[in-house]
């Protein structure tokens, strides 16, 4: 049985994508220079990952100039939604309530984050009442 990853994106792919989002438009050298500030990674690794992200539809590649320039193919919010939906489907059998319960019951939420989630849920409930 073939094992399926929990995410369509690997850790390095996600890291590279974050750098391209932050830069807006970037060459392999731009992303490599940005990443090596925090960890050592080969230039060819960054190049391979960026090509892979373009093949997967997460980056656009413009090769019309003297160098390849990459831009995001989708906004960060859309990618996050897709990845969370994948997690929701694969781990929580589509139950958003189970996902939220896991987040809220875990020790990873600060008091501020917990309060923010409560406010968000209250606001959503108000909006639903207004729509009804």
Protein backbone atom coordinates (compact mmCIF):
# COMPACT_ATOMS: atom_id res chain seq x y z
CA UNK A 1 0.00 0.00 0.00
CA UNK A 2 1.41 3.37 -1.05
CA UNK A 3 1.79 5.83 1.83
CA UNK A 4 0.32 9.25 1.23
CA UNK A 5 1.93 12.34 2.70
CA UNK A 6 -0.15 14.53 4.98
CA UNK A 7 0.81 17.53 2.88
CA UNK A 8 1.36 18.13 -0.80
CA UNK A 9 4.35 20.24 0.17
CA UNK A 10 7.51 19.12 1.92
CA UNK A 11 9.20 21.17 4.61
CA UNK A 12 11.79 22.68 2.25
CA UNK A 13 9.13 23.37 -0.39
CA UNK A 14 7.09 25.28 2.19
CA UNK A 15 10.18 27.20 3.32
CA UNK A 16 11.02 28.21 -0.25
CA UNK A 17 7.41 29.19 -0.92
CA UNK A 18 7.42 31.45 2.17
CA UNK A 19 10.53 33.21 0.88
CA UNK A 20 9.00 33.76 -2.57
CA UNK A 21 5.80 35.09 -0.97
CA UNK A 22 7.86 37.52 1.12
CA UNK A 23 10.00 38.63 -1.84
CA UNK A 24 7.12 38.78 -4.34
CA UNK A 25 9.39 37.96 -7.28
CA UNK A 26 12.62 36.04 -6.88
CA UNK A 27 15.39 34.24 -8.68
CA UNK A 28 16.92 31.06 -7.31
CA UNK A 29 19.85 33.18 -6.10
CA UNK A 30 17.49 35.54 -4.24
CA UNK A 31 15.81 32.68 -2.39
CA UNK A 32 19.10 30.89 -1.75
CA UNK A 33 20.65 34.07 -0.31
CA UNK A 34 17.63 34.49 1.94
CA UNK A 35 17.63 30.91 3.23
CA UNK A 36 21.38 30.68 3.93
CA UNK A 37 21.01 33.49 6.47
CA UNK A 38 19.42 30.95 8.80
CA UNK A 39 20.67 27.55 7.58
CA UNK A 40 23.08 26.04 5.09
CA UNK A 41 21.47 24.72 1.91
CA UNK A 42 22.90 24.03 -1.52
CA UNK A 43 22.03 26.37 -4.38
CA UNK A 44 21.07 23.35 -6.51
CA UNK A 45 18.64 22.19 -3.82
CA UNK A 46 16.84 25.55 -3.91
CA UNK A 47 16.80 25.44 -7.71
CA UNK A 48 15.32 21.93 -7.74
CA UNK A 49 12.68 22.84 -5.18
CA UNK A 50 11.65 25.97 -7.09
CA UNK A 51 11.31 24.00 -10.33
CA UNK A 52 9.23 21.41 -8.48
CA UNK A 53 6.98 24.13 -7.02
CA UNK A 54 6.47 25.52 -10.52
CA UNK A 55 5.54 22.04 -11.82
CA UNK A 56 3.08 21.63 -8.94
CA UNK A 57 1.47 24.99 -9.77
CA UNK A 58 2.57 26.91 -6.69
CA UNK A 59 5.01 29.19 -8.56
CA UNK A 60 5.08 30.81 -11.99
CA UNK A 61 8.40 30.87 -13.80
CA UNK A 62 9.28 33.64 -16.25
CA UNK A 63 12.30 32.76 -18.35
CA UNK A 64 11.93 35.56 -20.89
CA UNK A 65 14.74 37.67 -19.43
CA UNK A 66 18.37 36.89 -18.71
CA UNK A 67 17.46 34.86 -15.62
CA UNK A 68 14.55 32.80 -14.38
CA UNK A 69 12.21 34.78 -12.14
CA UNK A 70 9.62 33.08 -9.99
CA UNK A 71 6.41 34.58 -8.65
CA UNK A 72 3.64 33.05 -6.52
CA UNK A 73 0.98 31.32 -8.61
CA UNK A 74 -1.52 31.45 -5.74
CA UNK A 75 -1.92 33.78 -2.77
CA UNK A 76 -0.73 32.49 0.62
CA UNK A 77 -4.27 32.37 2.05
CA UNK A 78 -5.43 30.06 -0.74
CA UNK A 79 -2.47 27.71 -0.26
CA UNK A 80 -3.04 27.62 3.51
CA UNK A 81 -6.73 26.83 2.99
CA UNK A 82 -5.88 23.98 0.61
CA UNK A 83 -3.27 22.51 2.96
CA UNK A 84 -5.54 22.77 6.00
CA UNK A 85 -8.34 21.13 4.01
CA UNK A 86 -5.97 18.28 3.14
CA UNK A 87 -5.10 17.88 6.83
CA UNK A 88 -8.76 18.09 7.80
CA UNK A 89 -9.73 15.39 5.31
CA UNK A 90 -6.83 13.03 5.98
CA UNK A 91 -6.48 13.29 9.77
CA UNK A 92 -9.87 14.43 11.04
CA UNK A 93 -12.15 12.77 8.43
CA UNK A 94 -13.44 16.19 7.42
CA UNK A 95 -14.45 17.26 10.94
CA UNK A 96 -13.51 20.88 11.53
CA UNK A 97 -14.82 20.54 15.10
CA UNK A 98 -12.31 17.75 15.82
CA UNK A 99 -9.49 19.89 14.42
CA UNK A 100 -10.46 22.89 16.55
CA UNK A 101 -10.87 20.70 19.66
CA UNK A 102 -7.39 19.31 19.12
CA UNK A 103 -5.95 22.81 18.79
CA UNK A 104 -7.82 24.18 21.80
CA UNK A 105 -7.04 21.21 24.07
CA UNK A 106 -3.36 21.20 23.16
CA UNK A 107 -0.74 23.13 25.07
CA UNK A 108 0.35 25.05 21.99
CA UNK A 109 -2.20 27.89 22.29
CA UNK A 110 -1.32 30.98 24.28
CA UNK A 111 -3.99 32.74 26.32
CA UNK A 112 -4.08 35.46 23.65
CA UNK A 113 -4.60 32.94 20.84
CA UNK A 114 -7.32 31.18 22.80
CA UNK A 115 -9.11 34.50 23.41
CA UNK A 116 -8.76 35.38 19.72
CA UNK A 117 -10.35 32.07 18.69
CA UNK A 118 -13.26 32.62 21.10
CA UNK A 119 -13.82 36.12 19.66
CA UNK A 120 -13.70 34.74 16.11
CA UNK A 121 -16.25 32.04 16.92
CA UNK A 122 -18.54 34.58 18.63
CA UNK A 123 -18.29 36.89 15.62
CA UNK A 124 -19.10 34.02 13.26
CA UNK A 125 -22.13 33.09 15.37
CA UNK A 126 -23.36 36.70 15.25
CA UNK A 127 -22.98 36.77 11.47
CA UNK A 128 -24.94 33.53 11.14
CA UNK A 129 -27.76 34.98 13.26
CA UNK A 130 -27.83 38.11 11.11
CA UNK A 131 -28.05 36.01 7.93
CA UNK A 132 -30.89 33.88 9.27
